[in-house]
């Protein structure tokens, strides 16, 4: 589907804002985690559930909302997602104990997932397979500014007011984006081309059984796993181990976000020219080198902010290079079920993020070494996934010839 009315900066702005609400909710809380831990007098593992279970909810919701949007349309699915997100934010802000806070975070995370899935599916609806990777990169660059500032805002709110004001902020963001989507987003899915619920489920099963789709989706998952290993552990390393404030962590996170912006800038400019396979290979190899550098600096005794945030920025840059191409390649395996493909890909990304965040977060108590080990393992797996997809693609081409 193409429409000159949709090919505007206004559509890109709406998609950027919509896809940002989930990442903002995740990253704005990070500087507040040590305060939540001390405020509720709970252990680190329980505190970490506010992050990992939220990510898991986002992962599961992506599968459901992708299939739902293929059946009933992108616009109504988007509106319901933002309503759920707002409700979760309100529950978090009023939570009297850690368990209600966790429930609110799960609801908030589920609502935040809708924007991540639907923005990619809408881009595929409007721009087609040729331009999708470049447009996804542009949208990512546009909305990454908000998650980049989110830890700074979260740190300032935590240090100078109270961590509950973090959720006042996310509630306001949810209402603002809901207004934008309600008045500015038109339906992009041609519903008459899509089958019933059973067909959608069959397509999901078929997609998972396709080695090429699975290799692309797993690469997205492993790459996101590297990123979440870092963001789950870094707040405790910076605040509890190195002794800095939440605001300092938030400012340092800007460096990481700049790396992600640069990666997406490069991807947007050259992905159409050199191809998605080359972008994925370059990005995952850089992630591996960054993880090695990270470990080398810490083993050498450089337990400083720069030794943490500089390799973290390189890891983010590598994700900016590879993720748009991997996401586009996964969706293009089955363009007639773009919502389902986007949902499964998003599920794997956040599922790996949730698992690695919880495990590494629990282990990160007195040293940053678990963070290094987790990043290195995820980087190796992401690189191997790219090699498999390239080998499988070449073998398929040779069989056809």
Protein backbone atom coordinates (compact mmCIF):
# COMPACT_ATOMS: atom_id res chain seq x y z
CA UNK A 1 0.00 0.00 0.00
CA UNK A 2 1.32 3.42 -0.91
CA UNK A 3 -0.25 6.80 -0.42
CA UNK A 4 1.25 10.22 -0.86
CA UNK A 5 -0.88 11.40 2.06
CA UNK A 6 0.91 8.95 4.34
CA UNK A 7 4.40 9.68 3.04
CA UNK A 8 4.86 12.73 5.22
CA UNK A 9 6.98 13.85 8.10
CA UNK A 10 3.79 13.92 10.17
CA UNK A 11 3.31 10.15 9.80
CA UNK A 12 6.95 9.53 10.67
CA UNK A 13 6.57 11.77 13.73
CA UNK A 14 3.50 9.87 14.93
CA UNK A 15 5.20 6.50 14.43
CA UNK A 16 8.32 7.74 16.20
CA UNK A 17 6.34 8.94 19.21
CA UNK A 18 4.21 5.79 19.29
CA UNK A 19 7.15 3.43 19.10
CA UNK A 20 9.00 5.45 21.77
CA UNK A 21 6.53 4.98 24.64
CA UNK A 22 7.72 1.46 25.43
CA UNK A 23 11.46 2.25 25.42
CA UNK A 24 10.81 5.44 27.41
CA UNK A 25 8.95 3.45 30.09
CA UNK A 26 11.83 0.97 30.26
CA UNK A 27 14.71 3.42 30.38
CA UNK A 28 13.22 6.17 32.53
CA UNK A 29 12.93 3.71 35.42
CA UNK A 30 16.56 2.55 35.32
CA UNK A 31 18.06 5.37 37.46
CA UNK A 32 15.26 4.86 40.00
CA UNK A 33 15.87 1.14 40.58
CA UNK A 34 18.32 1.61 43.50
CA UNK A 35 15.85 4.03 45.16
CA UNK A 36 12.98 1.60 44.70
CA UNK A 37 15.10 -1.15 46.22
CA UNK A 38 15.93 0.90 49.30
CA UNK A 39 12.47 2.48 49.54
CA UNK A 40 10.65 -0.83 49.71
CA UNK A 41 13.55 -2.51 51.62
CA UNK A 42 13.73 -5.42 49.19
CA UNK A 43 16.51 -7.46 47.64
CA UNK A 44 18.10 -6.82 44.25
CA UNK A 45 16.44 -9.80 42.56
CA UNK A 46 12.94 -8.62 43.50
CA UNK A 47 13.73 -5.09 42.35
CA UNK A 48 14.94 -6.45 39.04
CA UNK A 49 11.49 -7.98 38.43
CA UNK A 50 10.16 -4.48 37.73
CA UNK A 51 12.39 -4.51 34.64
CA UNK A 52 12.50 -8.16 33.56
CA UNK A 53 8.77 -8.92 33.94
CA UNK A 54 7.92 -5.68 32.15
CA UNK A 55 10.16 -6.76 29.27
CA UNK A 56 8.58 -10.22 29.28
CA UNK A 57 5.10 -8.64 29.12
CA UNK A 58 6.25 -6.50 26.20
CA UNK A 59 7.56 -9.62 24.49
CA UNK A 60 4.33 -11.59 24.86
CA UNK A 61 2.14 -8.63 23.94
CA UNK A 62 4.04 -8.12 20.70
CA UNK A 63 2.95 -11.51 19.38
CA UNK A 64 -0.69 -10.86 20.30
CA UNK A 65 -0.90 -7.31 18.98
CA UNK A 66 0.87 -8.18 15.72
CA UNK A 67 -1.68 -10.87 14.92
CA UNK A 68 -4.53 -8.68 16.17
CA UNK A 69 -3.50 -5.77 13.94
CA UNK A 70 -3.43 -8.06 10.90
CA UNK A 71 -7.05 -9.02 11.61
CA UNK A 72 -8.75 -5.83 12.84
CA UNK A 73 -6.40 -3.11 11.60
CA UNK A 74 -3.47 -1.03 12.82
CA UNK A 75 -5.38 2.00 14.12
CA UNK A 76 -7.77 0.34 16.62
CA UNK A 77 -4.96 -1.87 17.87
CA UNK A 78 -2.78 1.21 18.42
CA UNK A 79 -5.49 2.98 20.43
CA UNK A 80 -6.07 0.00 22.72
CA UNK A 81 -2.34 -0.37 23.29
CA UNK A 82 -1.99 3.22 24.47
CA UNK A 83 -5.00 2.89 26.80
CA UNK A 84 -3.37 -0.17 28.40
CA UNK A 85 -0.06 1.71 28.69
CA UNK A 86 -1.72 4.65 30.45
CA UNK A 87 -3.55 2.37 32.89
CA UNK A 88 -0.31 0.60 33.81
CA UNK A 89 1.47 3.90 34.39
CA UNK A 90 -1.24 5.06 36.80
CA UNK A 91 -1.09 1.78 38.75
CA UNK A 92 2.70 2.12 39.07
CA UNK A 93 2.47 5.66 40.35
CA UNK A 94 -0.02 4.65 43.07
CA UNK A 95 1.55 1.29 44.00
CA UNK A 96 1.64 0.78 47.81
CA UNK A 97 4.16 -2.09 47.61
CA UNK A 98 6.61 -3.72 45.24
CA UNK A 99 4.17 -6.38 44.05
CA UNK A 100 1.55 -3.86 42.90
CA UNK A 101 4.36 -1.92 41.25
CA UNK A 102 5.41 -5.07 39.39
CA UNK A 103 1.80 -5.66 38.26
CA UNK A 104 1.61 -2.08 37.02
CA UNK A 105 4.91 -2.46 35.19
CA UNK A 106 3.63 -5.62 33.49
CA UNK A 107 0.51 -3.78 32.27
CA UNK A 108 2.56 -0.76 31.24
CA UNK A 109 5.03 -2.96 29.38
CA UNK A 110 2.26 -4.82 27.54
CA UNK A 111 0.79 -1.51 26.33
CA UNK A 112 4.19 -0.16 25.36
CA UNK A 113 4.78 -3.16 23.09
CA UNK A 114 2.07 -2.11 20.65
CA UNK A 115 4.02 0.85 19.32
CA UNK A 116 7.15 -1.20 18.68
CA UNK A 117 5.29 -3.76 16.57
CA UNK A 118 2.80 -1.52 14.80
CA UNK A 119 5.31 1.11 13.71
CA UNK A 120 7.28 -1.52 11.76
CA UNK A 121 4.11 -3.05 10.29
CA UNK A 122 2.74 0.35 9.25
CA UNK A 123 6.05 1.25 7.61
CA UNK A 124 5.88 -2.02 5.68
CA UNK A 125 2.26 -1.26 4.68
CA UNK A 126 3.09 2.23 3.43
CA UNK A 127 6.62 2.04 2.03
CA UNK A 128 6.94 -1.55 0.82
CA UNK A 129 9.97 -3.84 1.01
CA UNK A 130 12.42 -1.62 -0.84
CA UNK A 131 12.33 1.41 1.45
CA UNK A 132 11.35 -0.21 4.74
CA UNK A 133 14.87 -0.59 6.19
CA UNK A 134 15.75 3.04 5.50
CA UNK A 135 12.44 4.35 6.87
CA UNK A 136 12.70 2.16 9.98
CA UNK A 137 16.14 3.65 10.55
CA UNK A 138 14.74 7.18 10.18
CA UNK A 139 11.91 6.48 12.63
CA UNK A 140 14.37 4.93 15.04
CA UNK A 141 16.59 8.02 14.85
CA UNK A 142 13.60 10.27 15.42
CA UNK A 143 12.19 8.50 18.46
CA UNK A 144 15.54 7.57 20.02
CA UNK A 145 15.90 11.13 21.30
CA UNK A 146 13.09 10.52 23.81
CA UNK A 147 14.57 7.31 25.27
CA UNK A 148 17.96 9.05 25.25
CA UNK A 149 16.62 11.77 27.52
CA UNK A 150 14.47 9.41 29.59
CA UNK A 151 17.23 8.24 31.99
CA UNK A 152 18.25 11.86 32.55
CA UNK A 153 14.65 12.78 33.36
CA UNK A 154 14.30 9.68 35.52
CA UNK A 155 17.49 10.48 37.40
CA UNK A 156 16.49 14.08 38.05
CA UNK A 157 12.99 13.09 39.19
CA UNK A 158 14.44 10.43 41.48
CA UNK A 159 17.15 12.63 43.00
CA UNK A 160 15.09 15.81 43.44
CA UNK A 161 11.50 14.61 43.94
CA UNK A 162 10.50 10.95 44.29
CA UNK A 163 10.65 7.90 42.05
CA UNK A 164 6.81 7.92 41.82
CA UNK A 165 7.00 11.06 39.69
CA UNK A 166 8.62 8.90 37.02
CA UNK A 167 5.20 7.36 36.45
CA UNK A 168 3.44 10.71 36.52
CA UNK A 169 5.68 11.57 33.59
CA UNK A 170 4.96 8.33 31.68
CA UNK A 171 1.21 8.80 32.25
CA UNK A 172 1.38 12.23 30.61
CA UNK A 173 3.41 10.83 27.72
CA UNK A 174 0.83 8.09 27.20
CA UNK A 175 -2.04 10.58 27.03
CA UNK A 176 -0.17 12.84 24.60
CA UNK A 177 0.67 10.02 22.18
CA UNK A 178 -2.89 8.67 22.43
CA UNK A 179 -4.14 12.07 21.24
CA UNK A 180 -1.67 12.05 18.33
CA UNK A 181 -2.70 8.57 17.23
CA UNK A 182 -6.42 9.24 17.65
CA UNK A 183 -6.43 12.33 15.43
CA UNK A 184 -3.48 11.71 13.14
CA UNK A 185 -3.13 8.00 12.30
CA UNK A 186 -5.20 6.57 9.46
CA UNK A 187 -5.70 2.88 8.77
CA UNK A 188 -2.93 1.41 6.57
CA UNK A 189 -3.80 -2.28 6.58
CA UNK A 190 -5.88 -3.59 3.66
CA UNK A 191 -8.08 -5.81 5.78
CA UNK A 192 -9.84 -7.48 2.91
CA UNK A 193 -6.61 -9.22 1.93
CA UNK A 194 -6.26 -10.96 5.25
CA UNK A 195 -7.80 -14.17 6.43
CA UNK A 196 -9.38 -15.26 9.66
CA UNK A 197 -7.87 -15.90 13.09
CA UNK A 198 -6.93 -19.48 12.29
CA UNK A 199 -5.02 -18.34 9.23
CA UNK A 200 -3.10 -15.82 11.34
CA UNK A 201 -2.13 -18.51 13.80
CA UNK A 202 -1.08 -20.83 10.99
CA UNK A 203 1.13 -18.12 9.53
CA UNK A 204 2.80 -17.59 12.90
CA UNK A 205 3.58 -21.31 13.16
CA UNK A 206 4.80 -21.42 9.59
CA UNK A 207 7.06 -18.42 10.15
CA UNK A 208 8.71 -19.99 13.19
CA UNK A 209 9.38 -23.14 11.17
CA UNK A 210 11.21 -21.21 8.44
CA UNK A 211 14.98 -21.30 9.13
CA UNK A 212 15.64 -18.00 7.35
CA UNK A 213 12.98 -16.09 9.28
CA UNK A 214 14.08 -17.66 12.54
CA UNK A 215 17.72 -16.74 11.96
CA UNK A 216 16.79 -13.10 11.32
CA UNK A 217 14.47 -13.00 14.34
CA UNK A 218 17.04 -14.66 16.61
CA UNK A 219 19.65 -12.16 15.51
CA UNK A 220 17.29 -9.40 16.63
CA UNK A 221 16.85 -11.20 19.94
CA UNK A 222 20.54 -11.74 20.60
CA UNK A 223 21.39 -8.17 19.60
CA UNK A 224 18.75 -6.80 21.94
CA UNK A 225 20.06 -9.19 24.59
CA UNK A 226 23.46 -7.46 24.45
CA UNK A 227 21.80 -4.10 24.91
CA UNK A 228 19.63 -5.18 27.84
CA UNK A 229 22.53 -6.90 29.57
CA UNK A 230 24.06 -3.46 29.72
CA UNK A 231 21.05 -1.36 30.68
CA UNK A 232 19.94 -3.83 33.37
CA UNK A 233 23.33 -3.94 35.08
CA UNK A 234 24.79 -0.49 34.50
CA UNK A 235 22.58 1.40 36.99
CA UNK A 236 23.69 -0.83 39.87
CA UNK A 237 27.33 -0.77 38.73
CA UNK A 238 27.34 3.04 38.45
CA UNK A 239 25.33 3.78 41.62
CA UNK A 240 26.08 0.89 44.00
CA UNK A 241 29.58 -0.17 42.96
CA UNK A 242 31.15 3.04 41.63
CA UNK A 243 29.21 5.32 44.01
CA UNK A 244 27.76 7.85 41.56
CA UNK A 245 24.27 9.37 41.59
CA UNK A 246 21.27 8.35 39.52
CA UNK A 247 21.54 11.64 37.62
CA UNK A 248 25.14 10.82 36.63
CA UNK A 249 23.97 7.48 35.28
CA UNK A 250 21.22 9.21 33.32
CA UNK A 251 23.69 11.64 31.77
CA UNK A 252 26.08 8.80 30.92
CA UNK A 253 23.27 6.95 29.21
CA UNK A 254 23.05 9.83 26.72
CA UNK A 255 26.43 8.67 25.36
CA UNK A 256 24.97 5.23 24.70
CA UNK A 257 21.95 6.71 22.96
CA UNK A 258 24.19 8.85 20.77
CA UNK A 259 25.90 5.65 19.64
CA UNK A 260 22.51 4.19 18.71
CA UNK A 261 21.60 7.35 16.78
CA UNK A 262 24.86 7.23 14.83
CA UNK A 263 24.31 3.57 13.97
CA UNK A 264 20.84 4.31 12.65
CA UNK A 265 22.09 7.34 10.72
CA UNK A 266 24.62 5.14 8.96
CA UNK A 267 22.01 2.45 8.35
CA UNK A 268 19.53 4.93 6.88
CA UNK A 269 22.11 6.31 4.47
CA UNK A 270 23.78 3.15 3.19
CA UNK A 271 21.53 0.14 3.83
CA UNK A 272 19.80 0.42 0.43
CA UNK A 273 23.17 0.71 -1.29
CA UNK A 274 25.16 -2.10 0.33
CA UNK A 275 22.30 -4.40 1.32
CA UNK A 276 20.82 -5.71 4.56
CA UNK A 277 23.14 -8.71 4.79
CA UNK A 278 26.24 -6.50 4.86
CA UNK A 279 24.67 -4.23 7.50
CA UNK A 280 23.84 -7.17 9.75
CA UNK A 281 27.31 -8.67 9.39
CA UNK A 282 29.05 -5.37 10.14
CA UNK A 283 26.82 -4.60 13.11
CA UNK A 284 27.13 -7.95 14.84
CA UNK A 285 30.89 -8.11 14.32
CA UNK A 286 31.27 -4.64 15.84
CA UNK A 287 29.14 -5.79 18.80
CA UNK A 288 31.55 -8.68 19.37
CA UNK A 289 34.59 -6.37 19.25
CA UNK A 290 32.89 -3.94 21.64
CA UNK A 291 32.15 -6.69 24.16
CA UNK A 292 35.79 -7.81 23.99
CA UNK A 293 36.96 -4.21 24.56
CA UNK A 294 34.54 -3.88 27.47
CA UNK A 295 35.92 -6.97 29.15
CA UNK A 296 39.51 -5.99 28.49
CA UNK A 297 39.14 -2.58 30.12
CA UNK A 298 37.49 -3.96 33.25
CA UNK A 299 39.95 -6.85 33.61
CA UNK A 300 42.78 -4.33 33.30
CA UNK A 301 41.37 -2.52 36.33
CA UNK A 302 39.70 0.46 34.64
CA UNK A 303 36.52 0.55 36.73
CA UNK A 304 35.50 4.02 35.58
CA UNK A 305 32.50 5.63 33.93
CA UNK A 306 34.30 5.86 30.59
CA UNK A 307 35.26 2.19 30.69
CA UNK A 308 31.56 1.38 31.02
CA UNK A 309 29.83 3.95 28.82
CA UNK A 310 32.26 4.05 25.89
CA UNK A 311 32.00 0.30 25.10
CA UNK A 312 28.28 0.63 25.83
CA UNK A 313 28.03 3.33 23.16
CA UNK A 314 29.85 1.08 20.68
CA UNK A 315 27.44 -1.75 21.46
CA UNK A 316 24.51 0.63 20.88
CA UNK A 317 26.07 1.80 17.60
CA UNK A 318 26.36 -1.82 16.45
CA UNK A 319 22.68 -2.38 17.29
CA UNK A 320 21.77 0.69 15.23
CA UNK A 321 23.65 -0.79 12.28
CA UNK A 322 22.19 -4.28 12.38
CA UNK A 323 18.71 -4.15 13.94
CA UNK A 324 16.82 -2.21 11.21
CA UNK A 325 18.12 -4.57 8.53
CA UNK A 326 17.40 -7.68 10.60
CA UNK A 327 13.88 -6.49 11.41
CA UNK A 328 13.18 -5.63 7.78
CA UNK A 329 14.57 -8.94 6.53
CA UNK A 330 12.43 -10.88 9.00
CA UNK A 331 9.24 -9.03 7.97
CA UNK A 332 10.01 -9.41 4.27
CA UNK A 333 10.07 -13.19 4.60
CA UNK A 334 6.25 -12.96 4.88
CA UNK A 335 5.06 -9.47 3.86
CA UNK A 336 1.42 -10.63 3.73
CA UNK A 337 1.60 -11.20 7.51
CA UNK A 338 3.75 -8.20 8.45
CA UNK A 339 2.05 -7.75 11.82
CA UNK A 340 2.62 -11.37 12.86
CA UNK A 341 6.23 -11.33 11.64
CA UNK A 342 6.92 -8.07 13.44
CA UNK A 343 5.27 -9.43 16.60
CA UNK A 344 7.32 -12.63 16.67
CA UNK A 345 10.52 -10.70 16.01
CA UNK A 346 9.69 -8.25 18.78
CA UNK A 347 8.81 -11.10 21.13
CA UNK A 348 12.22 -12.70 20.70
CA UNK A 349 13.96 -9.35 21.16
CA UNK A 350 12.29 -8.61 24.47
CA UNK A 351 12.21 -12.21 25.67
CA UNK A 352 16.00 -12.38 25.39
CA UNK A 353 16.17 -8.93 26.94
CA UNK A 354 14.02 -10.00 29.90
CA UNK A 355 15.93 -13.22 30.54
CA UNK A 356 19.38 -11.70 30.28
CA UNK A 357 18.38 -8.62 32.29
CA UNK A 358 17.10 -10.76 35.18
CA UNK A 359 20.01 -13.21 35.24
CA UNK A 360 22.80 -10.69 34.84
CA UNK A 361 21.06 -8.19 37.13
CA UNK A 362 20.93 -10.74 39.96
CA UNK A 363 24.60 -11.67 39.49
CA UNK A 364 25.81 -8.06 39.34
CA UNK A 365 26.35 -7.41 43.06
CA UNK A 366 29.97 -6.45 43.77
CA UNK A 367 31.66 -6.62 40.33
CA UNK A 368 30.70 -5.73 36.74
CA UNK A 369 32.08 -9.00 35.33
CA UNK A 370 28.67 -10.72 34.92
CA UNK A 371 27.66 -7.81 32.69
CA UNK A 372 30.73 -8.40 30.51
CA UNK A 373 30.13 -12.16 30.28
CA UNK A 374 26.50 -11.70 29.30
CA UNK A 375 27.31 -9.13 26.62
CA UNK A 376 30.01 -11.33 25.12
CA UNK A 377 27.78 -14.43 24.97
CA UNK A 378 24.93 -12.52 23.30
CA UNK A 379 27.36 -10.90 20.81
CA UNK A 380 28.77 -14.28 19.72
CA UNK A 381 25.27 -15.72 19.26
CA UNK A 382 24.14 -12.71 17.21
CA UNK A 383 27.16 -13.01 14.91
CA UNK A 384 26.58 -16.75 14.43
CA UNK A 385 22.92 -16.07 13.55
CA UNK A 386 24.03 -13.73 10.76
CA UNK A 387 26.46 -16.30 9.41
CA UNK A 388 23.71 -18.92 9.38
CA UNK A 389 21.25 -16.64 7.56
CA UNK A 390 23.85 -15.80 4.93
CA UNK A 391 24.74 -19.45 4.41
CA UNK A 392 21.08 -20.48 4.21
CA UNK A 393 20.30 -17.68 1.72
CA UNK A 394 23.19 -18.70 -0.51
CA UNK A 395 22.15 -22.37 -0.39
CA UNK A 396 18.57 -21.45 -1.37
CA UNK A 397 19.83 -19.41 -4.33
CA UNK A 398 22.08 -22.26 -5.49
CA UNK A 399 19.18 -24.73 -5.31
CA UNK A 400 17.01 -22.51 -7.48
CA UNK A 401 19.80 -22.19 -10.05
